[in-house]
Amino acid sequence: MANANSIKQITVVGSGAMGSQIAMVSALAGYQVYLQDISEESLKKAEDFLHMQLDKRVAKGKLTQEVVDSAFSRLQFVTSLQEAVESTDFVIEAIVEKLDAKREVFSQIDKLAPAHAIIATNSSTIVSSQIADATNRPSQVCNMHFFNPVLVMELVEVVKGPHTSEETAEIAVDLVKKINRVPILLKKEISGFVANRMLGKLTQEAIFLLENEIATVEEIDLACTKALNHPIGPFALMDLTGIDVSYYIGMQRYKESGDEKDKPAKVIEEKFLKGEYGRKTGKGFYTYS
């Protein structure tokens, strides 16, 4: 594939919160999109969620009903991977953050998709060099990391692995612009990429201040929102993205490095074991009604 102008169809594999929104952003930009998931139930949930989100936008006057209807007409919800990828130009994988599962899916996509198709992973923790050799097209594999909620967040981190060709990286960056998002290109792989590495340091410091009883959760979040002008503090953000997610990322890092310092902080582990994951469970660092 010479450039992003030749992309007509995009396939998103995995219909969770990330996958469903990536699919809709692509459909809103005018692409034919297939959203694939092995679970009918998950696809139905994704469709209902997207209708709810876009109805809100229409009500607020941010989008017209016509634009929304047109986007939905370009978006197919399917359980068959073959149907989803057999004539696709670009695949974005957004399944569970487990390496074995990703390698298996990439291997299947590789067998079913046209030779020119690029396969990207939305993973923020697993670099594509750990997945690329599960395919016969490693030069056409990269990371393309969107941020949640994708319908709102503009940045996408494109990561060029040692196996990724210049052409693939350029097409991925160009596609991000075409779906009305803002790309940054990482010239080489590094765990956590740019945004999450910087956020990680901030979160680490916030937890240090809390565990040493220097300030409360509320006060630390206020310092970030009122002095640093962040839209949301680190504890409120962990509640939003899920304390379980923070725990799993810490465990993945620890597994890779063997360094005790990479393990999830004690306060994260305690909340995880109690099942206090944040907004999704009604309680995290804050309580939600």
C-alpha atoms as a PDB file:
ATOM      1  CA  MET A   1       0.000   0.000   0.000  1.00  0.00           C
ATOM      2  CA  ALA A   2       1.603   3.236  -1.165  1.00  0.00           C
ATOM      3  CA  ASN A   3      -0.139   5.697   1.158  1.00  0.00           C
ATOM      4  CA  ALA A   4      -3.119   6.300   3.426  1.00  0.00           C
ATOM      5  CA  ASN A   5      -5.201   7.613   0.493  1.00  0.00           C
ATOM      6  CA  SER A   6      -5.655   4.040  -0.704  1.00  0.00           C
ATOM      7  CA  ILE A   7      -7.297   3.001   2.606  1.00  0.00           C
ATOM      8  CA  LYS A   8     -11.015   2.438   2.037  1.00  0.00           C
ATOM      9  CA  GLN A   9     -11.878  -0.107   4.730  1.00  0.00           C
ATOM     10  CA  ILE A  10     -10.784  -0.245   8.376  1.00  0.00           C
ATOM     11  CA  THR A  11     -11.355  -3.227  10.669  1.00  0.00           C
ATOM     12  CA  VAL A  12     -11.334  -3.006  14.457  1.00  0.00           C
ATOM     13  CA  VAL A  13     -10.983  -6.306  16.325  1.00  0.00           C
ATOM     14  CA  GLY A  14     -12.421  -6.259  19.852  1.00  0.00           C
ATOM     15  CA  SER A  15     -15.603  -4.344  20.693  1.00  0.00           C
ATOM     16  CA  GLY A  16     -14.872  -3.175  24.239  1.00  0.00           C
ATOM     17  CA  ALA A  17     -14.837   0.517  25.254  1.00  0.00           C
ATOM     18  CA  MET A  18     -11.705   1.233  23.192  1.00  0.00           C
ATOM     19  CA  GLY A  19     -12.498  -0.841  20.103  1.00  0.00           C
ATOM     20  CA  SER A  20     -16.087   0.401  19.749  1.00  0.00           C
ATOM     21  CA  GLN A  21     -15.004   4.055  19.947  1.00  0.00           C
ATOM     22  CA  ILE A  22     -12.069   3.588  17.527  1.00  0.00           C
ATOM     23  CA  ALA A  23     -14.551   2.040  15.077  1.00  0.00           C
ATOM     24  CA  MET A  24     -16.979   4.963  15.431  1.00  0.00           C
ATOM     25  CA  VAL A  25     -14.261   7.631  15.059  1.00  0.00           C
ATOM     26  CA  SER A  26     -13.224   5.870  11.812  1.00  0.00           C
ATOM     27  CA  ALA A  27     -16.837   5.668  10.576  1.00  0.00           C
ATOM     28  CA  LEU A  28     -17.432   9.348  11.385  1.00  0.00           C
ATOM     29  CA  ALA A  29     -14.381  10.146   9.222  1.00  0.00           C
ATOM     30  CA  GLY A  30     -16.063   8.457   6.244  1.00  0.00           C
ATOM     31  CA  TYR A  31     -14.453   5.011   6.216  1.00  0.00           C
ATOM     32  CA  GLN A  32     -16.236   1.686   5.730  1.00  0.00           C
ATOM     33  CA  VAL A  33     -15.665   0.010   9.093  1.00  0.00           C
ATOM     34  CA  TYR A  34     -16.051  -3.521  10.421  1.00  0.00           C
ATOM     35  CA  LEU A  35     -16.152  -3.967  14.192  1.00  0.00           C
ATOM     36  CA  GLN A  36     -15.494  -7.626  14.987  1.00  0.00           C
ATOM     37  CA  ASP A  37     -15.894  -9.527  18.235  1.00  0.00           C
ATOM     38  CA  ILE A  38     -16.451 -13.230  18.944  1.00  0.00           C
ATOM     39  CA  SER A  39     -19.181 -12.223  21.436  1.00  0.00           C
ATOM     40  CA  GLU A  40     -22.600 -11.235  20.056  1.00  0.00           C
ATOM     41  CA  GLU A  41     -23.411  -9.784  23.477  1.00  0.00           C
ATOM     42  CA  SER A  42     -20.339  -7.557  23.444  1.00  0.00           C
ATOM     43  CA  LEU A  43     -21.205  -6.281  19.942  1.00  0.00           C
ATOM     44  CA  LYS A  44     -24.767  -5.480  21.045  1.00  0.00           C
ATOM     45  CA  LYS A  45     -23.418  -3.608  24.085  1.00  0.00           C
ATOM     46  CA  ALA A  46     -21.010  -1.694  21.836  1.00  0.00           C
ATOM     47  CA  GLU A  47     -23.809  -0.691  19.459  1.00  0.00           C
ATOM     48  CA  ASP A  48     -26.062   0.487  22.327  1.00  0.00           C
ATOM     49  CA  PHE A  49     -23.161   2.380  23.924  1.00  0.00           C
ATOM     50  CA  LEU A  50     -22.297   4.171  20.668  1.00  0.00           C
ATOM     51  CA  HIS A  51     -25.945   5.135  20.043  1.00  0.00           C
ATOM     52  CA  MET A  52     -26.167   6.540  23.568  1.00  0.00           C
ATOM     53  CA  GLN A  53     -22.929   8.550  23.223  1.00  0.00           C
ATOM     54  CA  LEU A  54     -23.809   9.968  19.820  1.00  0.00           C
ATOM     55  CA  ASP A  55     -27.405  10.761  20.786  1.00  0.00           C
ATOM     56  CA  LYS A  56     -25.945  12.942  23.560  1.00  0.00           C
ATOM     57  CA  ARG A  57     -23.829  14.764  20.963  1.00  0.00           C
ATOM     58  CA  VAL A  58     -26.820  15.347  18.719  1.00  0.00           C
ATOM     59  CA  ALA A  59     -28.820  16.665  21.696  1.00  0.00           C
ATOM     60  CA  LYS A  60     -26.002  19.109  22.510  1.00  0.00           C
ATOM     61  CA  GLY A  61     -25.797  20.221  18.876  1.00  0.00           C
ATOM     62  CA  LYS A  62     -22.249  18.918  18.451  1.00  0.00           C
ATOM     63  CA  LEU A  63     -23.275  16.544  15.624  1.00  0.00           C
ATOM     64  CA  THR A  64     -26.275  16.377  13.318  1.00  0.00           C
ATOM     65  CA  GLN A  65     -28.556  13.336  13.198  1.00  0.00           C
ATOM     66  CA  GLU A  66     -27.678  13.029   9.514  1.00  0.00           C
ATOM     67  CA  VAL A  67     -23.928  12.721  10.254  1.00  0.00           C
ATOM     68  CA  VAL A  68     -24.605  10.095  12.951  1.00  0.00           C
ATOM     69  CA  ASP A  69     -26.964   8.033  10.752  1.00  0.00           C
ATOM     70  CA  SER A  70     -24.431   8.171   7.939  1.00  0.00           C
ATOM     71  CA  ALA A  71     -21.631   6.942  10.267  1.00  0.00           C
ATOM     72  CA  PHE A  72     -23.765   4.031  11.506  1.00  0.00           C
ATOM     73  CA  SER A  73     -24.573   3.079   7.900  1.00  0.00           C
ATOM     74  CA  ARG A  74     -20.831   2.631   7.278  1.00  0.00           C
ATOM     75  CA  LEU A  75     -20.279   0.556  10.434  1.00  0.00           C
ATOM     76  CA  GLN A  76     -20.831  -3.234  10.397  1.00  0.00           C
ATOM     77  CA  PHE A  77     -20.940  -5.268  13.615  1.00  0.00           C
ATOM     78  CA  VAL A  78     -19.758  -8.841  12.885  1.00  0.00           C
ATOM     79  CA  THR A  79     -18.640 -11.982  14.745  1.00  0.00           C
ATOM     80  CA  SER A  80     -16.770 -13.480  11.777  1.00  0.00           C
ATOM     81  CA  LEU A  81     -13.089 -12.485  11.658  1.00  0.00           C
ATOM     82  CA  GLN A  82     -12.890 -13.630   8.037  1.00  0.00           C
ATOM     83  CA  GLU A  83     -15.773 -11.361   7.006  1.00  0.00           C
ATOM     84  CA  ALA A  84     -14.217  -8.468   8.930  1.00  0.00           C
ATOM     85  CA  VAL A  85     -10.730  -8.659   7.397  1.00  0.00           C
ATOM     86  CA  GLU A  86     -10.938 -10.404   4.003  1.00  0.00           C
ATOM     87  CA  SER A  87     -11.124  -7.122   2.062  1.00  0.00           C
ATOM     88  CA  THR A  88      -9.696  -4.702   4.622  1.00  0.00           C
ATOM     89  CA  ASP A  89      -6.828  -2.237   4.214  1.00  0.00           C
ATOM     90  CA  PHE A  90      -6.022  -1.517   7.848  1.00  0.00           C
ATOM     91  CA  VAL A  91      -6.685  -3.517  11.027  1.00  0.00           C
ATOM     92  CA  ILE A  92      -6.604  -2.141  14.575  1.00  0.00           C
ATOM     93  CA  GLU A  93      -6.586  -4.808  17.295  1.00  0.00           C
ATOM     94  CA  ALA A  94      -8.175  -3.751  20.595  1.00  0.00           C
ATOM     95  CA  ILE A  95      -8.658  -7.015  22.500  1.00  0.00           C
ATOM     96  CA  VAL A  96      -7.657  -7.923  26.084  1.00  0.00           C
ATOM     97  CA  GLU A  97      -4.139  -6.909  27.247  1.00  0.00           C
ATOM     98  CA  LYS A  98      -2.754 -10.448  27.115  1.00  0.00           C
ATOM     99  CA  LEU A  99       0.218 -11.250  24.921  1.00  0.00           C
ATOM    100  CA  ASP A 100      -0.805 -14.835  24.018  1.00  0.00           C
ATOM    101  CA  ALA A 101      -4.282 -13.709  22.969  1.00  0.00           C
ATOM    102  CA  LYS A 102      -2.867 -10.888  20.830  1.00  0.00           C
ATOM    103  CA  ARG A 103      -0.342 -13.176  19.115  1.00  0.00           C
ATOM    104  CA  GLU A 104      -3.100 -15.663  18.310  1.00  0.00           C
ATOM    105  CA  VAL A 105      -5.368 -12.956  16.840  1.00  0.00           C
ATOM    106  CA  PHE A 106      -2.534 -11.415  14.796  1.00  0.00           C
ATOM    107  CA  SER A 107      -1.686 -14.839  13.378  1.00  0.00           C
ATOM    108  CA  GLN A 108      -5.336 -15.378  12.340  1.00  0.00           C
ATOM    109  CA  ILE A 109      -5.658 -11.880  10.836  1.00  0.00           C
ATOM    110  CA  ASP A 110      -2.420 -12.412   8.895  1.00  0.00           C
ATOM    111  CA  LYS A 111      -3.837 -15.557   7.255  1.00  0.00           C
ATOM    112  CA  LEU A 112      -7.162 -13.923   6.324  1.00  0.00           C
ATOM    113  CA  ALA A 113      -6.341 -10.307   5.415  1.00  0.00           C
ATOM    114  CA  PRO A 114      -5.078  -9.067   2.013  1.00  0.00           C
ATOM    115  CA  ALA A 115      -1.278  -8.960   1.638  1.00  0.00           C
ATOM    116  CA  HIS A 116      -1.178  -5.137   1.627  1.00  0.00           C
ATOM    117  CA  ALA A 117      -3.115  -4.696   4.898  1.00  0.00           C
ATOM    118  CA  ILE A 118      -1.387  -3.132   7.893  1.00  0.00           C
ATOM    119  CA  ILE A 119      -2.093  -4.621  11.341  1.00  0.00           C
ATOM    120  CA  ALA A 120      -1.771  -2.296  14.345  1.00  0.00           C
ATOM    121  CA  THR A 121      -2.262  -2.994  18.032  1.00  0.00           C
ATOM    122  CA  ASN A 122      -3.919  -0.438  20.303  1.00  0.00           C
ATOM    123  CA  SER A 123      -1.951  -1.840  23.270  1.00  0.00           C
ATOM    124  CA  SER A 124      -0.309   0.713  25.556  1.00  0.00           C
ATOM    125  CA  THR A 125       1.837  -1.842  27.401  1.00  0.00           C
ATOM    126  CA  ILE A 126       2.695  -4.577  24.891  1.00  0.00           C
ATOM    127  CA  VAL A 127       5.097  -3.362  22.176  1.00  0.00           C
ATOM    128  CA  SER A 128       4.457  -4.688  18.687  1.00  0.00           C
ATOM    129  CA  SER A 129       7.859  -6.433  18.423  1.00  0.00           C
ATOM    130  CA  GLN A 130       6.405  -8.999  20.860  1.00  0.00           C
ATOM    131  CA  ILE A 131       3.606  -9.716  18.359  1.00  0.00           C
ATOM    132  CA  ALA A 132       4.954  -9.023  14.853  1.00  0.00           C
ATOM    133  CA  ASP A 133       6.676 -12.414  14.391  1.00  0.00           C
ATOM    134  CA  ALA A 134       3.300 -14.167  14.813  1.00  0.00           C
ATOM    135  CA  THR A 135       2.634 -12.867  11.263  1.00  0.00           C
ATOM    136  CA  ASN A 136       4.314 -13.162   7.861  1.00  0.00           C
ATOM    137  CA  ARG A 137       4.242  -9.365   7.524  1.00  0.00           C
ATOM    138  CA  PRO A 138       6.267  -7.959  10.462  1.00  0.00           C
ATOM    139  CA  SER A 139       7.160  -4.818   8.474  1.00  0.00           C
ATOM    140  CA  GLN A 140       3.411  -4.008   8.359  1.00  0.00           C
ATOM    141  CA  VAL A 141       2.907  -4.222  12.131  1.00  0.00           C
ATOM    142  CA  CYS A 142       3.029  -1.310  14.610  1.00  0.00           C
ATOM    143  CA  ASN A 143       1.436   0.130  17.761  1.00  0.00           C
ATOM    144  CA  MET A 144      -1.325   2.690  17.349  1.00  0.00           C
ATOM    145  CA  HIS A 145      -2.315   3.722  20.860  1.00  0.00           C
ATOM    146  CA  PHE A 146      -5.573   5.653  21.332  1.00  0.00           C
ATOM    147  CA  PHE A 147      -6.647   7.187  24.656  1.00  0.00           C
ATOM    148  CA  ASN A 148      -9.928   6.597  26.473  1.00  0.00           C
ATOM    149  CA  PRO A 149     -12.519   8.032  25.801  1.00  0.00           C
ATOM    150  CA  VAL A 150     -11.511   7.842  22.122  1.00  0.00           C
ATOM    151  CA  LEU A 151     -14.519   9.943  21.027  1.00  0.00           C
ATOM    152  CA  VAL A 152     -13.066  12.841  23.046  1.00  0.00           C
ATOM    153  CA  MET A 153      -9.295  12.339  23.296  1.00  0.00           C
ATOM    154  CA  GLU A 154      -7.341  13.619  20.327  1.00  0.00           C
ATOM    155  CA  LEU A 155      -3.878  12.108  20.727  1.00  0.00           C
ATOM    156  CA  VAL A 156      -2.773   8.818  19.151  1.00  0.00           C
ATOM    157  CA  GLU A 157       0.743   7.437  19.728  1.00  0.00           C
ATOM    158  CA  VAL A 158       2.112   5.568  16.704  1.00  0.00           C
ATOM    159  CA  VAL A 159       5.119   3.440  17.665  1.00  0.00           C
ATOM    160  CA  LYS A 160       7.645   2.201  15.118  1.00  0.00           C
ATOM    161  CA  GLY A 161       9.170  -1.094  16.223  1.00  0.00           C
ATOM    162  CA  PRO A 162      12.537  -2.323  14.859  1.00  0.00           C
ATOM    163  CA  HIS A 163      10.516  -4.507  12.431  1.00  0.00           C
ATOM    164  CA  THR A 164       8.157  -1.717  11.274  1.00  0.00           C
ATOM    165  CA  SER A 165       8.874  -0.226   7.834  1.00  0.00           C
ATOM    166  CA  GLU A 166       9.078   3.550   7.312  1.00  0.00           C
ATOM    167  CA  GLU A 167       6.146   3.233   4.921  1.00  0.00           C
ATOM    168  CA  THR A 168       3.939   1.512   7.531  1.00  0.00           C
ATOM    169  CA  ALA A 169       4.747   4.171  10.143  1.00  0.00           C
ATOM    170  CA  GLU A 170       4.011   6.980   7.656  1.00  0.00           C
ATOM    171  CA  ILE A 171       0.673   5.438   6.604  1.00  0.00           C
ATOM    172  CA  ALA A 172      -0.375   4.931  10.254  1.00  0.00           C
ATOM    173  CA  VAL A 173       0.499   8.565  11.113  1.00  0.00           C
ATOM    174  CA  ASP A 174      -1.368   9.804   8.033  1.00  0.00           C
ATOM    175  CA  LEU A 175      -4.428   7.675   8.856  1.00  0.00           C
ATOM    176  CA  VAL A 176      -4.559   9.153  12.376  1.00  0.00           C
ATOM    177  CA  LYS A 177      -4.839  12.615  10.784  1.00  0.00           C
ATOM    178  CA  LYS A 178      -7.519  11.398   8.360  1.00  0.00           C
ATOM    179  CA  ILE A 179      -9.710  10.184  11.248  1.00  0.00           C
ATOM    180  CA  ASN A 180      -9.356  13.676  12.789  1.00  0.00           C
ATOM    181  CA  ARG A 181      -6.927  12.785  15.542  1.00  0.00           C
ATOM    182  CA  VAL A 182      -3.466  14.132  16.387  1.00  0.00           C
ATOM    183  CA  PRO A 183      -0.544  11.697  15.916  1.00  0.00           C
ATOM    184  CA  ILE A 184       2.871  11.579  17.514  1.00  0.00           C
ATOM    185  CA  LEU A 185       5.430   9.115  16.132  1.00  0.00           C
ATOM    186  CA  LEU A 186       7.762   7.289  18.521  1.00  0.00           C
ATOM    187  CA  LYS A 187      10.899   6.423  16.553  1.00  0.00           C
ATOM    188  CA  LYS A 188      11.564   3.400  18.748  1.00  0.00           C
ATOM    189  CA  GLU A 189       9.782   1.176  21.216  1.00  0.00           C
ATOM    190  CA  ILE A 190       9.715   1.915  24.919  1.00  0.00           C
ATOM    191  CA  SER A 191       7.330   0.464  27.510  1.00  0.00           C
ATOM    192  CA  GLY A 192       4.490   2.885  28.342  1.00  0.00           C
ATOM    193  CA  PHE A 193       5.263   5.154  25.353  1.00  0.00           C
ATOM    194  CA  VAL A 194       5.241   8.943  25.980  1.00  0.00           C
ATOM    195  CA  ALA A 195       2.009  10.005  27.717  1.00  0.00           C
ATOM    196  CA  ASN A 196       1.701   7.055  30.092  1.00  0.00           C
ATOM    197  CA  ARG A 197       5.377   7.216  31.086  1.00  0.00           C
ATOM    198  CA  MET A 198       4.952  10.846  32.123  1.00  0.00           C
ATOM    199  CA  LEU A 199       1.614  10.119  33.787  1.00  0.00           C
ATOM    200  CA  GLY A 200       3.244   7.155  35.565  1.00  0.00           C
ATOM    201  CA  LYS A 201       5.833   9.415  37.211  1.00  0.00           C
ATOM    202  CA  LEU A 202       3.121  11.846  38.310  1.00  0.00           C
ATOM    203  CA  THR A 203       0.987   9.006  39.714  1.00  0.00           C
ATOM    204  CA  GLN A 204       4.005   7.495  41.502  1.00  0.00           C
ATOM    205  CA  GLU A 205       4.678  10.837  43.184  1.00  0.00           C
ATOM    206  CA  ALA A 206       0.985  11.269  44.099  1.00  0.00           C
ATOM    207  CA  ILE A 207       0.984   7.818  45.760  1.00  0.00           C
ATOM    208  CA  PHE A 208       4.246   8.632  47.595  1.00  0.00           C
ATOM    209  CA  LEU A 209       2.660  11.837  48.999  1.00  0.00           C
ATOM    210  CA  LEU A 210      -0.462   9.907  50.063  1.00  0.00           C
ATOM    211  CA  GLU A 211       1.343   6.918  51.634  1.00  0.00           C
ATOM    212  CA  ASN A 212       3.651   9.232  53.581  1.00  0.00           C
ATOM    213  CA  GLU A 213       0.601  11.104  54.906  1.00  0.00           C
ATOM    214  CA  ILE A 214       1.801  14.412  53.464  1.00  0.00           C
ATOM    215  CA  ALA A 215      -1.584  15.207  51.903  1.00  0.00           C
ATOM    216  CA  THR A 216      -4.944  13.556  51.240  1.00  0.00           C
ATOM    217  CA  VAL A 217      -6.267  12.135  47.978  1.00  0.00           C
ATOM    218  CA  GLU A 218      -8.504  15.209  47.543  1.00  0.00           C
ATOM    219  CA  GLU A 219      -5.680  17.663  48.271  1.00  0.00           C
ATOM    220  CA  ILE A 220      -3.246  16.000  45.850  1.00  0.00           C
ATOM    221  CA  ASP A 221      -5.884  15.996  43.109  1.00  0.00           C
ATOM    222  CA  LEU A 222      -6.610  19.684  43.842  1.00  0.00           C
ATOM    223  CA  ALA A 223      -2.904  20.526  43.468  1.00  0.00           C
ATOM    224  CA  CYS A 224      -3.001  18.972  39.983  1.00  0.00           C
ATOM    225  CA  THR A 225      -6.262  20.605  38.872  1.00  0.00           C
ATOM    226  CA  LYS A 226      -5.855  24.035  40.474  1.00  0.00           C
ATOM    227  CA  ALA A 227      -2.078  24.588  40.251  1.00  0.00           C
ATOM    228  CA  LEU A 228      -1.007  22.460  37.273  1.00  0.00           C
ATOM    229  CA  ASN A 229      -4.266  23.033  35.380  1.00  0.00           C
ATOM    230  CA  HIS A 230      -4.826  19.315  34.710  1.00  0.00           C
ATOM    231  CA  PRO A 231      -8.482  18.569  33.883  1.00  0.00           C
ATOM    232  CA  ILE A 232      -8.518  15.758  36.467  1.00  0.00           C
ATOM    233  CA  GLY A 233      -6.232  14.676  39.333  1.00  0.00           C
ATOM    234  CA  PRO A 234      -4.245  11.390  39.329  1.00  0.00           C
ATOM    235  CA  PHE A 235      -6.508   9.615  41.864  1.00  0.00           C
ATOM    236  CA  ALA A 236      -9.730  10.649  40.099  1.00  0.00           C
ATOM    237  CA  LEU A 237      -8.121   9.506  36.853  1.00  0.00           C
ATOM    238  CA  MET A 238      -7.241   6.071  38.271  1.00  0.00           C
ATOM    239  CA  ASP A 239     -10.867   5.743  39.410  1.00  0.00           C
ATOM    240  CA  LEU A 240     -11.979   6.626  35.876  1.00  0.00           C
ATOM    241  CA  THR A 241      -9.671   4.237  33.998  1.00  0.00           C
ATOM    242  CA  GLY A 242      -9.970   1.510  36.634  1.00  0.00           C
ATOM    243  CA  ILE A 243      -7.698   0.641  39.566  1.00  0.00           C
ATOM    244  CA  ASP A 244      -7.714  -2.952  38.273  1.00  0.00           C
ATOM    245  CA  VAL A 245      -6.089  -1.654  35.056  1.00  0.00           C
ATOM    246  CA  SER A 246      -3.383   0.146  37.087  1.00  0.00           C
ATOM    247  CA  TYR A 247      -2.776  -3.080  39.013  1.00  0.00           C
ATOM    248  CA  TYR A 248      -2.461  -5.241  35.867  1.00  0.00           C
ATOM    249  CA  ILE A 249      -0.112  -2.750  34.175  1.00  0.00           C
ATOM    250  CA  GLY A 250       2.114  -2.728  37.278  1.00  0.00           C
ATOM    251  CA  MET A 251       2.177  -6.530  37.363  1.00  0.00           C
ATOM    252  CA  GLN A 252       3.019  -6.684  33.626  1.00  0.00           C
ATOM    253  CA  ARG A 253       5.917  -4.229  34.139  1.00  0.00           C
ATOM    254  CA  TYR A 254       7.166  -6.208  37.143  1.00  0.00           C
ATOM    255  CA  LYS A 255       6.956  -9.442  35.116  1.00  0.00           C
ATOM    256  CA  GLU A 256       9.063  -7.864  32.361  1.00  0.00           C
ATOM    257  CA  SER A 257      11.657  -6.149  34.575  1.00  0.00           C
ATOM    258  CA  GLY A 258      11.773  -8.318  37.722  1.00  0.00           C
ATOM    259  CA  ASP A 259      12.269  -5.011  39.583  1.00  0.00           C
ATOM    260  CA  GLU A 260      10.289  -4.790  42.850  1.00  0.00           C
ATOM    261  CA  LYS A 261       9.879  -1.024  42.247  1.00  0.00           C
ATOM    262  CA  ASP A 262       7.688  -1.767  39.216  1.00  0.00           C
ATOM    263  CA  LYS A 263       5.170  -3.731  41.297  1.00  0.00           C
ATOM    264  CA  PRO A 264       1.824  -1.992  41.928  1.00  0.00           C
ATOM    265  CA  ALA A 265       1.934   0.329  44.972  1.00  0.00           C
ATOM    266  CA  LYS A 266       0.557  -1.031  48.245  1.00  0.00           C
ATOM    267  CA  VAL A 267      -2.523   1.227  48.131  1.00  0.00           C
ATOM    268  CA  ILE A 268      -3.318   0.031  44.570  1.00  0.00           C
ATOM    269  CA  GLU A 269      -2.928  -3.610  45.585  1.00  0.00           C
ATOM    270  CA  GLU A 270      -5.189  -3.123  48.628  1.00  0.00           C
ATOM    271  CA  LYS A 271      -7.954  -1.533  46.538  1.00  0.00           C
ATOM    272  CA  PHE A 272      -7.557  -4.226  43.883  1.00  0.00           C
ATOM    273  CA  LEU A 273      -7.925  -7.051  46.424  1.00  0.00           C
ATOM    274  CA  LYS A 274     -11.008  -5.368  47.917  1.00  0.00           C
ATOM    275  CA  GLY A 275     -12.568  -5.083  44.443  1.00  0.00           C
ATOM    276  CA  GLU A 276     -12.620  -1.276  44.727  1.00  0.00           C
ATOM    277  CA  TYR A 277     -11.787  -0.509  41.110  1.00  0.00           C
ATOM    278  CA  GLY A 278     -13.161   3.024  40.936  1.00  0.00           C
ATOM    279  CA  ARG A 279     -16.210   4.253  39.020  1.00  0.00           C
ATOM    280  CA  LYS A 280     -17.060   0.847  37.569  1.00  0.00           C
ATOM    281  CA  THR A 281     -17.589  -0.621  41.059  1.00  0.00           C
ATOM    282  CA  GLY A 282     -18.897   2.559  42.727  1.00  0.00           C
ATOM    283  CA  LYS A 283     -15.857   2.916  44.976  1.00  0.00           C
ATOM    284  CA  GLY A 284     -12.157   3.561  44.491  1.00  0.00           C
ATOM    285  CA  PHE A 285     -10.219   6.486  45.952  1.00  0.00           C
ATOM    286  CA  TYR A 286     -13.597   8.260  45.875  1.00  0.00           C
ATOM    287  CA  THR A 287     -17.139   6.925  46.385  1.00  0.00           C
ATOM    288  CA  TYR A 288     -19.635   7.173  43.509  1.00  0.00           C
ATOM    289  CA  SER A 289     -23.386   6.964  43.868  1.00  0.00           C
END
